[in-house]
Protein backbone atom coordinates (compact mmCIF):
# COMPACT_ATOMS: atom_id res chain seq x y z
CA ASP A 1 -0.08 -0.03 -0.01
CA GLN A 2 1.09 3.67 -0.19
CA ASP A 3 1.72 3.91 3.53
CA GLU A 4 4.44 1.12 3.19
CA ALA A 5 5.65 2.42 -0.10
CA SER A 6 6.26 6.00 1.35
CA GLU A 7 8.28 4.40 3.92
CA ARG A 8 10.38 2.34 1.72
CA PHE A 9 11.15 5.31 -0.51
CA TYR A 10 11.91 7.32 2.37
CA LYS A 11 14.49 4.80 3.84
CA ILE A 12 16.03 4.56 0.37
CA ALA A 13 16.37 8.39 0.04
CA GLU A 14 17.79 8.68 3.47
CA GLN A 15 20.67 6.54 2.53
CA LYS A 16 21.95 9.40 0.59
CA SER A 17 23.06 7.91 -2.50
CA PRO A 18 25.87 9.60 -4.28
CA ASP A 19 23.37 10.11 -7.35
CA ARG A 20 21.45 13.11 -6.28
CA ALA A 21 18.80 12.72 -8.73
CA HIS A 22 18.14 9.06 -7.56
CA THR A 23 17.67 10.25 -3.96
CA ALA A 24 15.61 13.22 -4.97
CA ARG A 25 13.37 10.95 -6.89
CA CYS A 26 12.92 8.68 -3.84
CA TYR A 27 11.88 11.77 -1.91
CA GLN A 28 9.63 12.80 -4.55
CA ARG A 29 7.87 9.31 -4.53
CA ALA A 30 7.78 9.23 -0.77
CA VAL A 31 6.12 12.72 -0.78
CA ASP A 32 3.67 11.59 -3.18
CA CYS A 33 2.74 8.46 -1.26
CA LEU A 34 2.38 10.39 1.87
CA ILE A 35 0.20 12.86 0.45
CA GLY A 36 -1.77 9.93 -1.02
CA VAL A 37 -2.37 8.54 2.38
CA GLY A 38 -3.27 11.84 3.94
CA ARG A 39 -0.02 12.24 5.99
CA ILE A 40 0.41 15.78 4.84
CA ASP A 41 2.83 16.85 7.74
CA LYS A 42 5.17 13.81 6.97
CA GLY A 43 4.96 14.96 3.38
CA ILE A 44 5.85 18.40 3.94
CA ASP A 45 8.91 17.23 6.25
CA THR A 46 10.05 14.86 3.56
CA TYR A 47 9.46 17.73 0.93
CA HIS A 48 11.90 19.92 3.02
CA ARG A 49 14.39 17.35 3.17
CA LEU A 50 14.15 17.12 -0.72
CA ILE A 51 14.56 20.82 -1.01
CA ALA A 52 17.60 20.79 1.40
CA LEU A 53 19.12 18.24 -1.29
CA ILE A 54 18.10 20.00 -4.46
CA ALA A 55 17.36 23.69 -3.68
CA ASP A 56 18.19 25.00 -7.15
CA SER A 57 15.72 22.94 -9.22
CA ALA A 58 12.75 24.76 -10.40
CA ARG A 59 11.23 21.69 -11.79
CA ILE A 60 11.42 20.21 -8.35
CA TYR A 61 9.63 23.17 -6.70
CA THR A 62 6.98 23.02 -9.74
CA TRP A 63 6.43 19.46 -8.94
CA ALA A 64 5.94 20.04 -5.40
CA GLY A 65 3.47 22.89 -5.70
CA ASP A 66 1.42 20.39 -8.06
CA ALA A 67 1.68 17.74 -5.29
CA PHE A 68 0.67 19.96 -2.22
CA GLY A 69 -2.01 21.86 -4.42
CA LYS A 70 -3.66 18.52 -5.14
CA ALA A 71 -3.59 17.72 -1.47
CA GLY A 72 -5.33 20.94 -0.60
CA SER A 73 -2.15 22.58 0.93
CA ASN A 74 -2.40 25.66 -0.92
CA ASP A 75 -0.02 27.83 1.08
CA ILE A 76 2.73 25.31 0.48
CA ALA A 77 1.95 24.94 -3.22
CA LEU A 78 2.02 28.65 -3.53
CA GLU A 79 5.51 29.22 -1.80
CA ALA A 80 6.84 26.27 -4.19
CA TYR A 81 5.49 27.92 -7.26
CA ASP A 82 7.13 31.34 -6.03
CA LYS A 83 10.31 29.56 -5.67
CA ALA A 84 10.07 27.80 -9.07
CA ILE A 85 9.45 31.22 -10.78
CA GLU A 86 12.25 32.84 -8.70
CA LEU A 87 14.64 30.26 -10.09
CA GLU A 88 13.27 30.25 -13.65
CA PRO A 89 11.11 33.14 -14.65
CA SER A 90 10.88 32.36 -18.12
CA ASN A 91 9.21 29.03 -17.71
CA PHE A 92 5.43 29.41 -18.13
CA VAL A 93 4.35 26.25 -16.25
CA PRO A 94 4.63 27.39 -12.60
CA TYR A 95 2.69 30.66 -13.69
CA ILE A 96 -0.23 28.35 -14.95
CA ASN A 97 -0.14 26.18 -11.79
CA ARG A 98 0.18 29.16 -9.46
CA GLY A 99 -2.69 30.65 -11.37
CA TRP A 100 -4.93 27.61 -10.78
CA THR A 101 -3.93 27.74 -7.00
CA TYR A 102 -4.84 31.31 -6.65
CA GLN A 103 -8.15 30.59 -8.54
CA THR A 104 -8.89 27.84 -6.32
CA ILE A 105 -8.71 29.86 -3.10
CA GLY A 106 -10.67 32.75 -4.70
CA LYS A 107 -7.72 35.21 -5.65
CA THR A 108 -9.00 35.64 -9.12
CA GLU A 109 -7.03 38.89 -9.92
CA LYS A 110 -3.88 37.19 -8.92
CA ALA A 111 -4.83 34.10 -11.05
CA LEU A 112 -5.66 36.47 -14.08
CA SER A 113 -2.25 37.84 -13.70
CA ASP A 114 -0.51 34.58 -13.84
CA TYR A 115 -2.53 33.39 -16.68
CA SER A 116 -1.54 36.58 -18.58
CA LYS A 117 2.24 36.08 -17.77
CA ALA A 118 2.01 32.36 -18.91
CA ILE A 119 0.59 33.51 -22.24
CA GLU A 120 3.15 36.22 -22.69
CA LEU A 121 5.93 33.55 -22.14
CA ASN A 122 4.47 31.08 -24.38
CA PRO A 123 1.60 32.26 -26.56
CA GLU A 124 1.33 28.61 -28.12
CA GLU A 125 0.11 26.97 -25.00
CA ILE A 126 -3.54 26.38 -24.86
CA MET A 127 -3.97 25.96 -20.86
CA PRO A 128 -3.51 29.64 -19.70
CA PHE A 129 -6.11 30.86 -22.52
CA THR A 130 -8.53 28.07 -21.32
CA ASN A 131 -8.00 28.64 -17.58
CA ARG A 132 -8.29 32.52 -18.11
CA GLY A 133 -11.29 32.46 -20.28
CA ILE A 134 -13.52 30.29 -17.97
CA LEU A 135 -12.22 32.47 -15.09
CA LEU A 136 -13.42 35.58 -17.07
CA TYR A 137 -16.76 33.76 -17.75
CA ASN A 138 -17.19 32.86 -14.26
CA GLN A 139 -16.83 36.62 -13.25
CA ALA A 140 -19.39 37.60 -16.15
CA ARG A 141 -16.58 39.37 -18.06
CA TYR A 142 -18.04 37.90 -21.23
CA GLU A 143 -16.38 40.21 -23.91
CA GLU A 144 -12.82 39.16 -22.31
CA ALA A 145 -13.74 35.77 -22.02
CA LEU A 146 -14.91 35.43 -25.45
CA LYS A 147 -11.53 36.19 -26.96
CA ASP A 148 -9.59 33.71 -24.62
CA LEU A 149 -12.25 30.92 -25.33
CA LYS A 150 -11.97 31.43 -29.29
CA LYS A 151 -8.15 31.18 -29.07
CA SER A 152 -8.57 28.01 -27.05
CA VAL A 153 -11.08 26.44 -29.68
CA GLU A 154 -8.68 27.55 -32.55
CA MET A 155 -5.87 25.72 -30.74
CA ASP A 156 -7.92 22.62 -29.83
CA PRO A 157 -11.30 22.35 -31.94
CA GLN A 158 -12.06 19.14 -30.02
CA SER A 159 -12.22 20.29 -26.54
CA GLY A 160 -15.94 19.91 -25.80
CA GLY A 161 -15.65 21.65 -22.49
CA VAL A 162 -14.15 24.85 -23.83
CA ARG A 163 -16.73 24.77 -26.52
CA ARG A 164 -19.39 24.82 -23.93
CA TYR A 165 -17.96 27.79 -22.20
CA LEU A 166 -17.59 29.52 -25.60
CA GLY A 167 -21.25 28.79 -26.40
CA LEU A 168 -22.44 29.94 -22.92
CA THR A 169 -20.22 33.08 -23.43
CA GLN A 170 -22.01 33.70 -26.80
CA TYR A 171 -25.39 33.16 -25.24
CA HIS A 172 -24.75 35.74 -22.50
CA LEU A 173 -23.44 38.20 -25.26
CA GLY A 174 -26.82 37.75 -26.94
CA ASN A 175 -25.51 35.84 -29.83
CA THR A 176 -27.98 32.90 -29.81
CA GLU A 177 -27.23 31.24 -33.18
CA ASP A 178 -23.48 30.92 -32.29
CA ALA A 179 -24.13 29.74 -28.75
CA ARG A 180 -26.36 27.18 -30.13
CA TRP A 181 -23.78 26.08 -32.84
CA GLU A 182 -20.75 25.77 -30.04
CA LEU A 183 -23.16 23.90 -27.78
CA ASN A 184 -24.21 21.50 -30.48
CA ILE A 185 -20.57 20.94 -31.10
CA ALA A 186 -19.63 20.42 -27.51
CA ARG A 187 -22.54 17.83 -27.27
CA GLY A 188 -21.11 15.92 -30.33
CA LEU A 189 -17.80 15.87 -28.64
CA GLY A 190 -19.19 14.17 -25.76
CA ASP A 191 -19.63 17.04 -23.32
CA LYS A 192 -22.42 15.95 -20.95
CA GLU A 193 -22.95 19.32 -19.45
CA ALA A 194 -23.48 20.80 -22.73
CA GLU A 195 -26.37 18.40 -23.07
CA GLU A 196 -28.03 19.76 -20.07
CA VAL A 197 -27.72 23.35 -21.42
CA ILE A 198 -29.48 22.64 -24.74
């Protein structure tokens, strides 16, 4: 089980192999297992041991932010993303993930700022357009949402969920024909929530 696995990985990591990458992977697996069984405090302790070993890796901090964010430890997740961004400010990924964490805890303006920065760093990445568009939709900022959601659909026309939000945005802007069109496509792509709207 995960509890036993976490102990096994932890013990291997504590042996401090000369191969830092191997030791780091063992600590990562231990943290994942600990979080999986709800032992957040032990996971945090193990994470700090990992950071002491590899304090200069933006990738490790991004992973930690993801792991703790999924566990609901948003403060630790945000600290990890902050450090990842400090170490590698040109990497768009921690901006997207930190934006999602901010969105989760209701700090929408900070989330929008992070999504915008991710778009600035990599305008070919769909996720910040999608996340920002849906967040703007949820704030009833339909004109702004429309631009991002159209861009997302342009990048991935097969996303039923994005097409549903685009259809709903069109509906709120009074474009009923466009709304119906997008919602029908979303339904055809298997989006169950679009079926409930139509």
